[in-house]
Amino acid sequence: MQQQSASDPEYSQIVLWLDFYSQLLTPRTREVLELHYNEDMSLSEIAEHLSISRQGVHDKIKQGLVHLAEYEQLLGLSTRYVAQKKQIENALIALDASEPQIARDILSQLHETL
């Protein structure tokens, strides 16, 4: 198993990037990434399924991750989504704690960003 470096994106982050940006990838790169991250197929399984080499699959994954990271850097859609989701979560926590004004303030801030 390959060790992750500090700059490598987390699995859940990659899945989010695929949700937001997969249509911007080439069809083959998108297919390889979706099989690997969404279908949980190994590199060998993907290689056999697509009739390409395991190295070819590895290269497509690396290439795709670079492109996804670039799209996120430029557009920031998944970062924004995660931040907005956290704001909603905090508003719900405030409501559960009987603090409607805090929830209202959080939701007002969220509304301003949309």
PDB file of N, CA and C in Angstrom:
ATOM      1  N   MET A   1       0.843  -1.184   0.000  1.00  0.00           N
ATOM      2  CA  MET A   1       0.000   0.000   0.000  1.00  0.00           C
ATOM      3  C   MET A   1       0.881   1.238   0.000  1.00  0.00           C
ATOM      4  N   GLN A   2       0.489   2.228  -0.817  1.00  0.00           N
ATOM      5  CA  GLN A   2       1.265   3.447  -0.952  1.00  0.00           C
ATOM      6  C   GLN A   2       0.959   4.378   0.214  1.00  0.00           C
ATOM      7  N   GLN A   3       1.996   4.975   0.776  1.00  0.00           N
ATOM      8  CA  GLN A   3       1.823   5.879   1.898  1.00  0.00           C
ATOM      9  C   GLN A   3       1.419   7.249   1.383  1.00  0.00           C
ATOM     10  N   GLN A   4       0.475   7.876   2.087  1.00  0.00           N
ATOM     11  CA  GLN A   4       0.001   9.189   1.706  1.00  0.00           C
ATOM     12  C   GLN A   4       0.908  10.263   2.249  1.00  0.00           C
ATOM     13  N   SER A   5       1.209  11.263   1.420  1.00  0.00           N
ATOM     14  CA  SER A   5       1.977  12.399   1.921  1.00  0.00           C
ATOM     15  C   SER A   5       1.012  13.428   2.471  1.00  0.00           C
ATOM     16  N   ALA A   6       1.540  14.407   3.191  1.00  0.00           N
ATOM     17  CA  ALA A   6       0.696  15.422   3.812  1.00  0.00           C
ATOM     18  C   ALA A   6      -0.083  16.221   2.778  1.00  0.00           C
ATOM     19  N   SER A   7       0.434  16.329   1.555  1.00  0.00           N
ATOM     20  CA  SER A   7      -0.250  17.111   0.527  1.00  0.00           C
ATOM     21  C   SER A   7      -1.274  16.295  -0.264  1.00  0.00           C
ATOM     22  N   ASP A   8      -1.297  14.976  -0.063  1.00  0.00           N
ATOM     23  CA  ASP A   8      -2.257  14.139  -0.771  1.00  0.00           C
ATOM     24  C   ASP A   8      -3.663  14.378  -0.226  1.00  0.00           C
ATOM     25  N   PRO A   9      -4.645  14.468  -1.122  1.00  0.00           N
ATOM     26  CA  PRO A   9      -6.023  14.653  -0.654  1.00  0.00           C
ATOM     27  C   PRO A   9      -6.551  13.388   0.009  1.00  0.00           C
ATOM     28  N   GLU A  10      -7.467  13.568   0.925  1.00  0.00           N
ATOM     29  CA  GLU A  10      -8.108  12.442   1.595  1.00  0.00           C
ATOM     30  C   GLU A  10      -9.114  11.793   0.647  1.00  0.00           C
ATOM     31  N   TYR A  11      -9.428  10.543   0.909  1.00  0.00           N
ATOM     32  CA  TYR A  11     -10.371   9.791   0.079  1.00  0.00           C
ATOM     33  C   TYR A  11     -11.700  10.527  -0.051  1.00  0.00           C
ATOM     34  N   SER A  12     -12.257  10.978   1.070  1.00  0.00           N
ATOM     35  CA  SER A  12     -13.556  11.659   1.034  1.00  0.00           C
ATOM     36  C   SER A  12     -13.483  12.958   0.236  1.00  0.00           C
ATOM     37  N   GLN A  13     -12.342  13.614   0.288  1.00  0.00           N
ATOM     38  CA  GLN A  13     -12.149  14.846  -0.476  1.00  0.00           C
ATOM     39  C   GLN A  13     -12.136  14.537  -1.981  1.00  0.00           C
ATOM     40  N   ILE A  14     -11.492  13.460  -2.357  1.00  0.00           N
ATOM     41  CA  ILE A  14     -11.445  13.065  -3.761  1.00  0.00           C
ATOM     42  C   ILE A  14     -12.844  12.729  -4.272  1.00  0.00           C
ATOM     43  N   VAL A  15     -13.617  12.028  -3.471  1.00  0.00           N
ATOM     44  CA  VAL A  15     -14.985  11.682  -3.867  1.00  0.00           C
ATOM     45  C   VAL A  15     -15.808  12.953  -4.082  1.00  0.00           C
ATOM     46  N   LEU A  16     -15.642  13.937  -3.217  1.00  0.00           N
ATOM     47  CA  LEU A  16     -16.335  15.214  -3.395  1.00  0.00           C
ATOM     48  C   LEU A  16     -15.882  15.909  -4.675  1.00  0.00           C
ATOM     49  N   TRP A  17     -14.579  15.918  -4.895  1.00  0.00           N
ATOM     50  CA  TRP A  17     -14.052  16.528  -6.119  1.00  0.00           C
ATOM     51  C   TRP A  17     -14.653  15.856  -7.349  1.00  0.00           C
ATOM     52  N   LEU A  18     -14.778  14.542  -7.301  1.00  0.00           N
ATOM     53  CA  LEU A  18     -15.389  13.830  -8.423  1.00  0.00           C
ATOM     54  C   LEU A  18     -16.835  14.261  -8.616  1.00  0.00           C
ATOM     55  N   ASP A  19     -17.557  14.437  -7.524  1.00  0.00           N
ATOM     56  CA  ASP A  19     -18.946  14.896  -7.625  1.00  0.00           C
ATOM     57  C   ASP A  19     -19.030  16.251  -8.321  1.00  0.00           C
ATOM     58  N   PHE A  20     -18.120  17.139  -7.991  1.00  0.00           N
ATOM     59  CA  PHE A  20     -18.172  18.491  -8.536  1.00  0.00           C
ATOM     60  C   PHE A  20     -17.524  18.624  -9.912  1.00  0.00           C
ATOM     61  N   TYR A  21     -16.440  17.925 -10.153  1.00  0.00           N
ATOM     62  CA  TYR A  21     -15.620  18.217 -11.321  1.00  0.00           C
ATOM     63  C   TYR A  21     -15.440  17.064 -12.317  1.00  0.00           C
ATOM     64  N   SER A  22     -16.031  15.915 -12.102  1.00  0.00           N
ATOM     65  CA  SER A  22     -15.748  14.770 -12.967  1.00  0.00           C
ATOM     66  C   SER A  22     -16.082  15.045 -14.435  1.00  0.00           C
ATOM     67  N   GLN A  23     -17.086  15.854 -14.685  1.00  0.00           N
ATOM     68  CA  GLN A  23     -17.468  16.139 -16.073  1.00  0.00           C
ATOM     69  C   GLN A  23     -16.424  16.976 -16.805  1.00  0.00           C
ATOM     70  N   LEU A  24     -15.478  17.556 -16.077  1.00  0.00           N
ATOM     71  CA  LEU A  24     -14.413  18.339 -16.694  1.00  0.00           C
ATOM     72  C   LEU A  24     -13.221  17.477 -17.111  1.00  0.00           C
ATOM     73  N   LEU A  25     -13.227  16.216 -16.694  1.00  0.00           N
ATOM     74  CA  LEU A  25     -12.147  15.286 -17.030  1.00  0.00           C
ATOM     75  C   LEU A  25     -12.431  14.615 -18.372  1.00  0.00           C
ATOM     76  N   THR A  26     -11.390  14.028 -18.953  1.00  0.00           N
ATOM     77  CA  THR A  26     -11.615  13.232 -20.158  1.00  0.00           C
ATOM     78  C   THR A  26     -12.462  12.021 -19.775  1.00  0.00           C
ATOM     79  N   PRO A  27     -13.212  11.479 -20.724  1.00  0.00           N
ATOM     80  CA  PRO A  27     -14.055  10.317 -20.396  1.00  0.00           C
ATOM     81  C   PRO A  27     -13.275   9.151 -19.780  1.00  0.00           C
ATOM     82  N   ARG A  28     -12.079   8.858 -20.300  1.00  0.00           N
ATOM     83  CA  ARG A  28     -11.302   7.726 -19.789  1.00  0.00           C
ATOM     84  C   ARG A  28     -10.808   7.989 -18.365  1.00  0.00           C
ATOM     85  N   THR A  29     -10.309   9.193 -18.130  1.00  0.00           N
ATOM     86  CA  THR A  29      -9.831   9.539 -16.787  1.00  0.00           C
ATOM     87  C   THR A  29     -10.981   9.497 -15.800  1.00  0.00           C
ATOM     88  N   ARG A  30     -12.127  10.052 -16.184  1.00  0.00           N
ATOM     89  CA  ARG A  30     -13.320  10.031 -15.319  1.00  0.00           C
ATOM     90  C   ARG A  30     -13.714   8.600 -15.002  1.00  0.00           C
ATOM     91  N   GLU A  31     -13.726   7.740 -16.023  1.00  0.00           N
ATOM     92  CA  GLU A  31     -14.111   6.353 -15.819  1.00  0.00           C
ATOM     93  C   GLU A  31     -13.168   5.644 -14.840  1.00  0.00           C
ATOM     94  N   VAL A  32     -11.874   5.832 -15.022  1.00  0.00           N
ATOM     95  CA  VAL A  32     -10.890   5.196 -14.139  1.00  0.00           C
ATOM     96  C   VAL A  32     -11.074   5.682 -12.698  1.00  0.00           C
ATOM     97  N   LEU A  33     -11.203   6.990 -12.515  1.00  0.00           N
ATOM     98  CA  LEU A  33     -11.368   7.530 -11.154  1.00  0.00           C
ATOM     99  C   LEU A  33     -12.672   7.061 -10.521  1.00  0.00           C
ATOM    100  N   GLU A  34     -13.743   7.043 -11.294  1.00  0.00           N
ATOM    101  CA  GLU A  34     -15.019   6.594 -10.734  1.00  0.00           C
ATOM    102  C   GLU A  34     -14.987   5.122 -10.358  1.00  0.00           C
ATOM    103  N   LEU A  35     -14.349   4.309 -11.195  1.00  0.00           N
ATOM    104  CA  LEU A  35     -14.226   2.890 -10.852  1.00  0.00           C
ATOM    105  C   LEU A  35     -13.400   2.705  -9.584  1.00  0.00           C
ATOM    106  N   HIS A  36     -12.337   3.475  -9.465  1.00  0.00           N
ATOM    107  CA  HIS A  36     -11.452   3.316  -8.305  1.00  0.00           C
ATOM    108  C   HIS A  36     -12.077   3.880  -7.022  1.00  0.00           C
ATOM    109  N   TYR A  37     -12.604   5.100  -7.089  1.00  0.00           N
ATOM    110  CA  TYR A  37     -13.088   5.760  -5.870  1.00  0.00           C
ATOM    111  C   TYR A  37     -14.560   5.517  -5.564  1.00  0.00           C
ATOM    112  N   ASN A  38     -15.395   5.401  -6.582  1.00  0.00           N
ATOM    113  CA  ASN A  38     -16.824   5.194  -6.326  1.00  0.00           C
ATOM    114  C   ASN A  38     -17.212   3.721  -6.303  1.00  0.00           C
ATOM    115  N   GLU A  39     -16.534   2.920  -7.110  1.00  0.00           N
ATOM    116  CA  GLU A  39     -16.848   1.482  -7.175  1.00  0.00           C
ATOM    117  C   GLU A  39     -15.870   0.637  -6.369  1.00  0.00           C
ATOM    118  N   ASP A  40     -14.847   1.279  -5.810  1.00  0.00           N
ATOM    119  CA  ASP A  40     -13.855   0.625  -4.954  1.00  0.00           C
ATOM    120  C   ASP A  40     -13.129  -0.530  -5.653  1.00  0.00           C
ATOM    121  N   MET A  41     -12.863  -0.355  -6.945  1.00  0.00           N
ATOM    122  CA  MET A  41     -12.125  -1.373  -7.686  1.00  0.00           C
ATOM    123  C   MET A  41     -10.625  -1.126  -7.545  1.00  0.00           C
ATOM    124  N   SER A  42      -9.868  -2.199  -7.495  1.00  0.00           N
ATOM    125  CA  SER A  42      -8.413  -2.102  -7.414  1.00  0.00           C
ATOM    126  C   SER A  42      -7.851  -1.722  -8.777  1.00  0.00           C
ATOM    127  N   LEU A  43      -6.589  -1.328  -8.792  1.00  0.00           N
ATOM    128  CA  LEU A  43      -5.941  -0.992 -10.055  1.00  0.00           C
ATOM    129  C   LEU A  43      -5.942  -2.194 -10.995  1.00  0.00           C
ATOM    130  N   SER A  44      -5.690  -3.371 -10.468  1.00  0.00           N
ATOM    131  CA  SER A  44      -5.686  -4.590 -11.290  1.00  0.00           C
ATOM    132  C   SER A  44      -7.066  -4.874 -11.860  1.00  0.00           C
ATOM    133  N   GLU A  45      -8.084  -4.708 -11.049  1.00  0.00           N
ATOM    134  CA  GLU A  45      -9.461  -4.942 -11.526  1.00  0.00           C
ATOM    135  C   GLU A  45      -9.830  -3.946 -12.637  1.00  0.00           C
ATOM    136  N   ILE A  46      -9.452  -2.691 -12.446  1.00  0.00           N
ATOM    137  CA  ILE A  46      -9.740  -1.669 -13.461  1.00  0.00           C
ATOM    138  C   ILE A  46      -8.980  -1.977 -14.741  1.00  0.00           C
ATOM    139  N   ALA A  47      -7.717  -2.348 -14.603  1.00  0.00           N
ATOM    140  CA  ALA A  47      -6.893  -2.670 -15.769  1.00  0.00           C
ATOM    141  C   ALA A  47      -7.530  -3.801 -16.570  1.00  0.00           C
ATOM    142  N   GLU A  48      -7.974  -4.826 -15.884  1.00  0.00           N
ATOM    143  CA  GLU A  48      -8.608  -5.953 -16.563  1.00  0.00           C
ATOM    144  C   GLU A  48      -9.929  -5.519 -17.206  1.00  0.00           C
ATOM    145  N   HIS A  49     -10.721  -4.762 -16.472  1.00  0.00           N
ATOM    146  CA  HIS A  49     -12.025  -4.300 -16.956  1.00  0.00           C
ATOM    147  C   HIS A  49     -11.898  -3.427 -18.210  1.00  0.00           C
ATOM    148  N   LEU A  50     -10.879  -2.582 -18.253  1.00  0.00           N
ATOM    149  CA  LEU A  50     -10.710  -1.645 -19.368  1.00  0.00           C
ATOM    150  C   LEU A  50      -9.688  -2.112 -20.409  1.00  0.00           C
ATOM    151  N   SER A  51      -9.128  -3.277 -20.161  1.00  0.00           N
ATOM    152  CA  SER A  51      -8.106  -3.840 -21.064  1.00  0.00           C
ATOM    153  C   SER A  51      -6.934  -2.880 -21.268  1.00  0.00           C
ATOM    154  N   ILE A  52      -6.434  -2.353 -20.161  1.00  0.00           N
ATOM    155  CA  ILE A  52      -5.231  -1.532 -20.180  1.00  0.00           C
ATOM    156  C   ILE A  52      -4.296  -2.044 -19.097  1.00  0.00           C
ATOM    157  N   SER A  53      -3.081  -1.538 -19.083  1.00  0.00           N
ATOM    158  CA  SER A  53      -2.116  -2.011 -18.093  1.00  0.00           C
ATOM    159  C   SER A  53      -2.424  -1.405 -16.719  1.00  0.00           C
ATOM    160  N   ARG A  54      -1.936  -2.075 -15.700  1.00  0.00           N
ATOM    161  CA  ARG A  54      -2.063  -1.568 -14.341  1.00  0.00           C
ATOM    162  C   ARG A  54      -1.349  -0.223 -14.232  1.00  0.00           C
ATOM    163  N   GLN A  55      -0.213  -0.097 -14.900  1.00  0.00           N
ATOM    164  CA  GLN A  55       0.525   1.171 -14.898  1.00  0.00           C
ATOM    165  C   GLN A  55      -0.294   2.276 -15.564  1.00  0.00           C
ATOM    166  N   GLY A  56      -1.003   1.912 -16.623  1.00  0.00           N
ATOM    167  CA  GLY A  56      -1.872   2.877 -17.292  1.00  0.00           C
ATOM    168  C   GLY A  56      -2.968   3.382 -16.366  1.00  0.00           C
ATOM    169  N   VAL A  57      -3.525   2.482 -15.566  1.00  0.00           N
ATOM    170  CA  VAL A  57      -4.541   2.866 -14.587  1.00  0.00           C
ATOM    171  C   VAL A  57      -3.922   3.796 -13.553  1.00  0.00           C
ATOM    172  N   HIS A  58      -2.765   3.424 -13.050  1.00  0.00           N
ATOM    173  CA  HIS A  58      -2.075   4.249 -12.053  1.00  0.00           C
ATOM    174  C   HIS A  58      -1.822   5.652 -12.598  1.00  0.00           C
ATOM    175  N   ASP A  59      -1.337   5.727 -13.838  1.00  0.00           N
ATOM    176  CA  ASP A  59      -1.052   7.026 -14.451  1.00  0.00           C
ATOM    177  C   ASP A  59      -2.311   7.863 -14.609  1.00  0.00           C
ATOM    178  N   LYS A  60      -3.423   7.235 -15.018  1.00  0.00           N
ATOM    179  CA  LYS A  60      -4.696   7.958 -15.171  1.00  0.00           C
ATOM    180  C   LYS A  60      -5.185   8.486 -13.827  1.00  0.00           C
ATOM    181  N   ILE A  61      -5.011   7.700 -12.779  1.00  0.00           N
ATOM    182  CA  ILE A  61      -5.437   8.150 -11.451  1.00  0.00           C
ATOM    183  C   ILE A  61      -4.603   9.350 -11.017  1.00  0.00           C
ATOM    184  N   LYS A  62      -3.291   9.249 -11.166  1.00  0.00           N
ATOM    185  CA  LYS A  62      -2.421  10.377 -10.779  1.00  0.00           C
ATOM    186  C   LYS A  62      -2.763  11.626 -11.585  1.00  0.00           C
ATOM    187  N   GLN A  63      -2.903  11.453 -12.883  1.00  0.00           N
ATOM    188  CA  GLN A  63      -3.236  12.567 -13.771  1.00  0.00           C
ATOM    189  C   GLN A  63      -4.593  13.177 -13.387  1.00  0.00           C
ATOM    190  N   GLY A  64      -5.564  12.329 -13.143  1.00  0.00           N
ATOM    191  CA  GLY A  64      -6.899  12.802 -12.772  1.00  0.00           C
ATOM    192  C   GLY A  64      -6.898  13.563 -11.464  1.00  0.00           C
ATOM    193  N   LEU A  65      -6.144  13.079 -10.487  1.00  0.00           N
ATOM    194  CA  LEU A  65      -6.075  13.758  -9.192  1.00  0.00           C
ATOM    195  C   LEU A  65      -5.434  15.137  -9.323  1.00  0.00           C
ATOM    196  N   VAL A  66      -4.433  15.238 -10.182  1.00  0.00           N
ATOM    197  CA  VAL A  66      -3.804  16.550 -10.421  1.00  0.00           C
ATOM    198  C   VAL A  66      -4.838  17.509 -10.997  1.00  0.00           C
ATOM    199  N   HIS A  67      -5.604  17.050 -11.972  1.00  0.00           N
ATOM    200  CA  HIS A  67      -6.619  17.909 -12.588  1.00  0.00           C
ATOM    201  C   HIS A  67      -7.712  18.287 -11.590  1.00  0.00           C
ATOM    202  N   LEU A  68      -8.164  17.320 -10.808  1.00  0.00           N
ATOM    203  CA  LEU A  68      -9.207  17.613  -9.811  1.00  0.00           C
ATOM    204  C   LEU A  68      -8.713  18.644  -8.797  1.00  0.00           C
ATOM    205  N   ALA A  69      -7.482  18.503  -8.346  1.00  0.00           N
ATOM    206  CA  ALA A  69      -6.911  19.459  -7.390  1.00  0.00           C
ATOM    207  C   ALA A  69      -6.807  20.851  -8.020  1.00  0.00           C
ATOM    208  N   GLU A  70      -6.441  20.902  -9.295  1.00  0.00           N
ATOM    209  CA  GLU A  70      -6.367  22.193  -9.990  1.00  0.00           C
ATOM    210  C   GLU A  70      -7.747  22.841 -10.091  1.00  0.00           C
ATOM    211  N   TYR A  71      -8.760  22.058 -10.419  1.00  0.00           N
ATOM    212  CA  TYR A  71     -10.126  22.599 -10.501  1.00  0.00           C
ATOM    213  C   TYR A  71     -10.583  23.122  -9.145  1.00  0.00           C
ATOM    214  N   GLU A  72     -10.269  22.363  -8.099  1.00  0.00           N
ATOM    215  CA  GLU A  72     -10.660  22.814  -6.756  1.00  0.00           C
ATOM    216  C   GLU A  72      -9.915  24.084  -6.381  1.00  0.00           C
ATOM    217  N   GLN A  73      -8.653  24.149  -6.730  1.00  0.00           N
ATOM    218  CA  GLN A  73      -7.852  25.343  -6.445  1.00  0.00           C
ATOM    219  C   GLN A  73      -8.455  26.567  -7.139  1.00  0.00           C
ATOM    220  N   LEU A  74      -8.876  26.389  -8.368  1.00  0.00           N
ATOM    221  CA  LEU A  74      -9.436  27.497  -9.151  1.00  0.00           C
ATOM    222  C   LEU A  74     -10.867  27.853  -8.751  1.00  0.00           C
ATOM    223  N   LEU A  75     -11.695  26.846  -8.513  1.00  0.00           N
ATOM    224  CA  LEU A  75     -13.119  27.074  -8.310  1.00  0.00           C
ATOM    225  C   LEU A  75     -13.579  26.980  -6.855  1.00  0.00           C
ATOM    226  N   GLY A  76     -12.951  26.110  -6.075  1.00  0.00           N
ATOM    227  CA  GLY A  76     -13.256  25.992  -4.653  1.00  0.00           C
ATOM    228  C   GLY A  76     -14.657  25.518  -4.310  1.00  0.00           C
ATOM    229  N   LEU A  77     -15.297  24.782  -5.212  1.00  0.00           N
ATOM    230  CA  LEU A  77     -16.678  24.370  -4.973  1.00  0.00           C
ATOM    231  C   LEU A  77     -16.834  23.401  -3.804  1.00  0.00           C
ATOM    232  N   SER A  78     -15.941  22.426  -3.695  1.00  0.00           N
ATOM    233  CA  SER A  78     -16.095  21.464  -2.601  1.00  0.00           C
ATOM    234  C   SER A  78     -15.751  22.097  -1.259  1.00  0.00           C
ATOM    235  N   THR A  79     -14.785  23.000  -1.238  1.00  0.00           N
ATOM    236  CA  THR A  79     -14.448  23.706   0.008  1.00  0.00           C
ATOM    237  C   THR A  79     -15.636  24.538   0.474  1.00  0.00           C
ATOM    238  N   ARG A  80     -16.263  25.212  -0.474  1.00  0.00           N
ATOM    239  CA  ARG A  80     -17.439  26.029  -0.151  1.00  0.00           C
ATOM    240  C   ARG A  80     -18.587  25.145   0.343  1.00  0.00           C
ATOM    241  N   TYR A  81     -18.798  24.026  -0.324  1.00  0.00           N
ATOM    242  CA  TYR A  81     -19.855  23.097   0.067  1.00  0.00           C
ATOM    243  C   TYR A  81     -19.658  22.607   1.506  1.00  0.00           C
ATOM    244  N   VAL A  82     -18.434  22.201   1.825  1.00  0.00           N
ATOM    245  CA  VAL A  82     -18.142  21.696   3.175  1.00  0.00           C
ATOM    246  C   VAL A  82     -18.361  22.792   4.218  1.00  0.00           C
ATOM    247  N   ALA A  83     -17.942  24.013   3.920  1.00  0.00           N
ATOM    248  CA  ALA A  83     -18.127  25.126   4.854  1.00  0.00           C
ATOM    249  C   ALA A  83     -19.610  25.421   5.064  1.00  0.00           C
ATOM    250  N   GLN A  84     -20.385  25.403   3.994  1.00  0.00           N
ATOM    251  CA  GLN A  84     -21.823  25.669   4.113  1.00  0.00           C
ATOM    252  C   GLN A  84     -22.524  24.554   4.881  1.00  0.00           C
ATOM    253  N   LYS A  85     -22.105  23.333   4.642  1.00  0.00           N
ATOM    254  CA  LYS A  85     -22.678  22.195   5.371  1.00  0.00           C
ATOM    255  C   LYS A  85     -22.394  22.332   6.874  1.00  0.00           C
ATOM    256  N   LYS A  86     -21.187  22.776   7.215  1.00  0.00           N
ATOM    257  CA  LYS A  86     -20.815  22.976   8.622  1.00  0.00           C
ATOM    258  C   LYS A  86     -21.659  24.091   9.242  1.00  0.00           C
ATOM    259  N   GLN A  87     -21.924  25.158   8.489  1.00  0.00           N
ATOM    260  CA  GLN A  87     -22.767  26.239   9.002  1.00  0.00           C
ATOM    261  C   GLN A  87     -24.173  25.733   9.300  1.00  0.00           C
ATOM    262  N   ILE A  88     -24.715  24.936   8.412  1.00  0.00           N
ATOM    263  CA  ILE A  88     -26.050  24.376   8.635  1.00  0.00           C
ATOM    264  C   ILE A  88     -26.046  23.485   9.868  1.00  0.00           C
ATOM    265  N   GLU A  89     -25.015  22.675  10.000  1.00  0.00           N
ATOM    266  CA  GLU A  89     -24.880  21.801  11.173  1.00  0.00           C
ATOM    267  C   GLU A  89     -24.841  22.642  12.463  1.00  0.00           C
ATOM    268  N   ASN A  90     -24.082  23.731  12.447  1.00  0.00           N
ATOM    269  CA  ASN A  90     -23.995  24.602  13.624  1.00  0.00           C
ATOM    270  C   ASN A  90     -25.331  25.269  13.928  1.00  0.00           C
ATOM    271  N   ALA A  91     -26.074  25.631  12.899  1.00  0.00           N
ATOM    272  CA  ALA A  91     -27.399  26.221  13.109  1.00  0.00           C
ATOM    273  C   ALA A  91     -28.342  25.207  13.749  1.00  0.00           C
ATOM    274  N   LEU A  92     -28.277  23.972  13.301  1.00  0.00           N
ATOM    275  CA  LEU A  92     -29.112  22.922  13.892  1.00  0.00           C
ATOM    276  C   LEU A  92     -28.736  22.665  15.353  1.00  0.00           C
ATOM    277  N   ILE A  93     -27.447  22.694  15.639  1.00  0.00           N
ATOM    278  CA  ILE A  93     -26.986  22.520  17.023  1.00  0.00           C
ATOM    279  C   ILE A  93     -27.516  23.650  17.897  1.00  0.00           C
ATOM    280  N   ALA A  94     -27.468  24.869  17.369  1.00  0.00           N
ATOM    281  CA  ALA A  94     -27.982  26.022  18.121  1.00  0.00           C
ATOM    282  C   ALA A  94     -29.477  25.882  18.365  1.00  0.00           C
ATOM    283  N   LEU A  95     -30.210  25.414  17.386  1.00  0.00           N
ATOM    284  CA  LEU A  95     -31.656  25.207  17.575  1.00  0.00           C
ATOM    285  C   LEU A  95     -31.926  24.139  18.626  1.00  0.00           C
ATOM    286  N   ASP A  96     -31.162  23.057  18.573  1.00  0.00           N
ATOM    287  CA  ASP A  96     -31.317  21.990  19.576  1.00  0.00           C
ATOM    288  C   ASP A  96     -30.994  22.488  20.979  1.00  0.00           C
ATOM    289  N   ALA A  97     -30.103  23.480  21.062  1.00  0.00           N
ATOM    290  CA  ALA A  97     -29.713  24.038  22.359  1.00  0.00           C
ATOM    291  C   ALA A  97     -30.618  25.215  22.750  1.00  0.00           C
ATOM    292  N   SER A  98     -31.721  25.351  22.038  1.00  0.00           N
ATOM    293  CA  SER A  98     -32.689  26.440  22.311  1.00  0.00           C
ATOM    294  C   SER A  98     -32.034  27.814  22.223  1.00  0.00           C
ATOM    295  N   GLU A  99     -31.229  27.987  21.201  1.00  0.00           N
ATOM    296  CA  GLU A  99     -30.574  29.270  20.943  1.00  0.00           C
ATOM    297  C   GLU A  99     -30.943  29.732  19.531  1.00  0.00           C
ATOM    298  N   PRO A 100     -32.226  30.127  19.355  1.00  0.00           N
ATOM    299  CA  PRO A 100     -32.685  30.472  18.007  1.00  0.00           C
ATOM    300  C   PRO A 100     -31.980  31.689  17.401  1.00  0.00           C
ATOM    301  N   GLN A 101     -31.556  32.630  18.233  1.00  0.00           N
ATOM    302  CA  GLN A 101     -30.884  33.819  17.688  1.00  0.00           C
ATOM    303  C   GLN A 101     -29.530  33.454  17.072  1.00  0.00           C
ATOM    304  N   ILE A 102     -28.814  32.547  17.725  1.00  0.00           N
ATOM    305  CA  ILE A 102     -27.531  32.093  17.169  1.00  0.00           C
ATOM    306  C   ILE A 102     -27.781  31.369  15.841  1.00  0.00           C
ATOM    307  N   ALA A 103     -28.801  30.511  15.816  1.00  0.00           N
ATOM    308  CA  ALA A 103     -29.143  29.796  14.590  1.00  0.00           C
ATOM    309  C   ALA A 103     -29.519  30.787  13.489  1.00  0.00           C
ATOM    310  N   ARG A 104     -30.289  31.797  13.839  1.00  0.00           N
ATOM    311  CA  ARG A 104     -30.700  32.820  12.867  1.00  0.00           C
ATOM    312  C   ARG A 104     -29.480  33.563  12.318  1.00  0.00           C
ATOM    313  N   ASP A 105     -28.552  33.914  13.192  1.00  0.00           N
ATOM    314  CA  ASP A 105     -27.339  34.617  12.760  1.00  0.00           C
ATOM    315  C   ASP A 105     -26.517  33.755  11.790  1.00  0.00           C
ATOM    316  N   ILE A 106     -26.371  32.483  12.124  1.00  0.00           N
ATOM    317  CA  ILE A 106     -25.617  31.569  11.270  1.00  0.00           C
ATOM    318  C   ILE A 106     -26.286  31.444   9.906  1.00  0.00           C
ATOM    319  N   LEU A 107     -27.616  31.269   9.926  1.00  0.00           N
ATOM    320  CA  LEU A 107     -28.336  31.129   8.667  1.00  0.00           C
ATOM    321  C   LEU A 107     -28.327  32.421   7.856  1.00  0.00           C
ATOM    322  N   SER A 108     -28.338  33.546   8.522  1.00  0.00           N
ATOM    323  CA  SER A 108     -28.231  34.830   7.811  1.00  0.00           C
ATOM    324  C   SER A 108     -26.872  34.958   7.122  1.00  0.00           C
ATOM    325  N   GLN A 109     -25.815  34.558   7.818  1.00  0.00           N
ATOM    326  CA  GLN A 109     -24.480  34.581   7.213  1.00  0.00           C
ATOM    327  C   GLN A 109     -24.439  33.650   5.994  1.00  0.00           C
ATOM    328  N   LEU A 110     -25.024  32.504   6.145  1.00  0.00           N
ATOM    329  CA  LEU A 110     -25.054  31.538   5.040  1.00  0.00           C
ATOM    330  C   LEU A 110     -25.834  32.124   3.857  1.00  0.00           C
ATOM    331  N   HIS A 111     -26.961  32.731   4.141  1.00  0.00           N
ATOM    332  CA  HIS A 111     -27.782  33.311   3.099  1.00  0.00           C
ATOM    333  C   HIS A 111     -27.018  34.385   2.326  1.00  0.00           C
ATOM    334  N   GLU A 112     -26.225  35.173   3.011  1.00  0.00           N
ATOM    335  CA  GLU A 112     -25.441  36.223   2.368  1.00  0.00           C
ATOM    336  C   GLU A 112     -24.387  35.676   1.415  1.00  0.00           C
ATOM    337  N   THR A 113     -23.895  34.462   1.683  1.00  0.00           N
ATOM    338  CA  THR A 113     -22.868  33.876   0.824  1.00  0.00           C
ATOM    339  C   THR A 113     -23.441  33.228  -0.425  1.00  0.00           C
ATOM    340  N   LEU A 114     -24.751  33.017  -0.424  1.00  0.00           N
ATOM    341  CA  LEU A 114     -25.386  32.353  -1.596  1.00  0.00           C
ATOM    342  C   LEU A 114     -25.771  33.335  -2.658  1.00  0.00           C
TER     343      LEU A 114
END
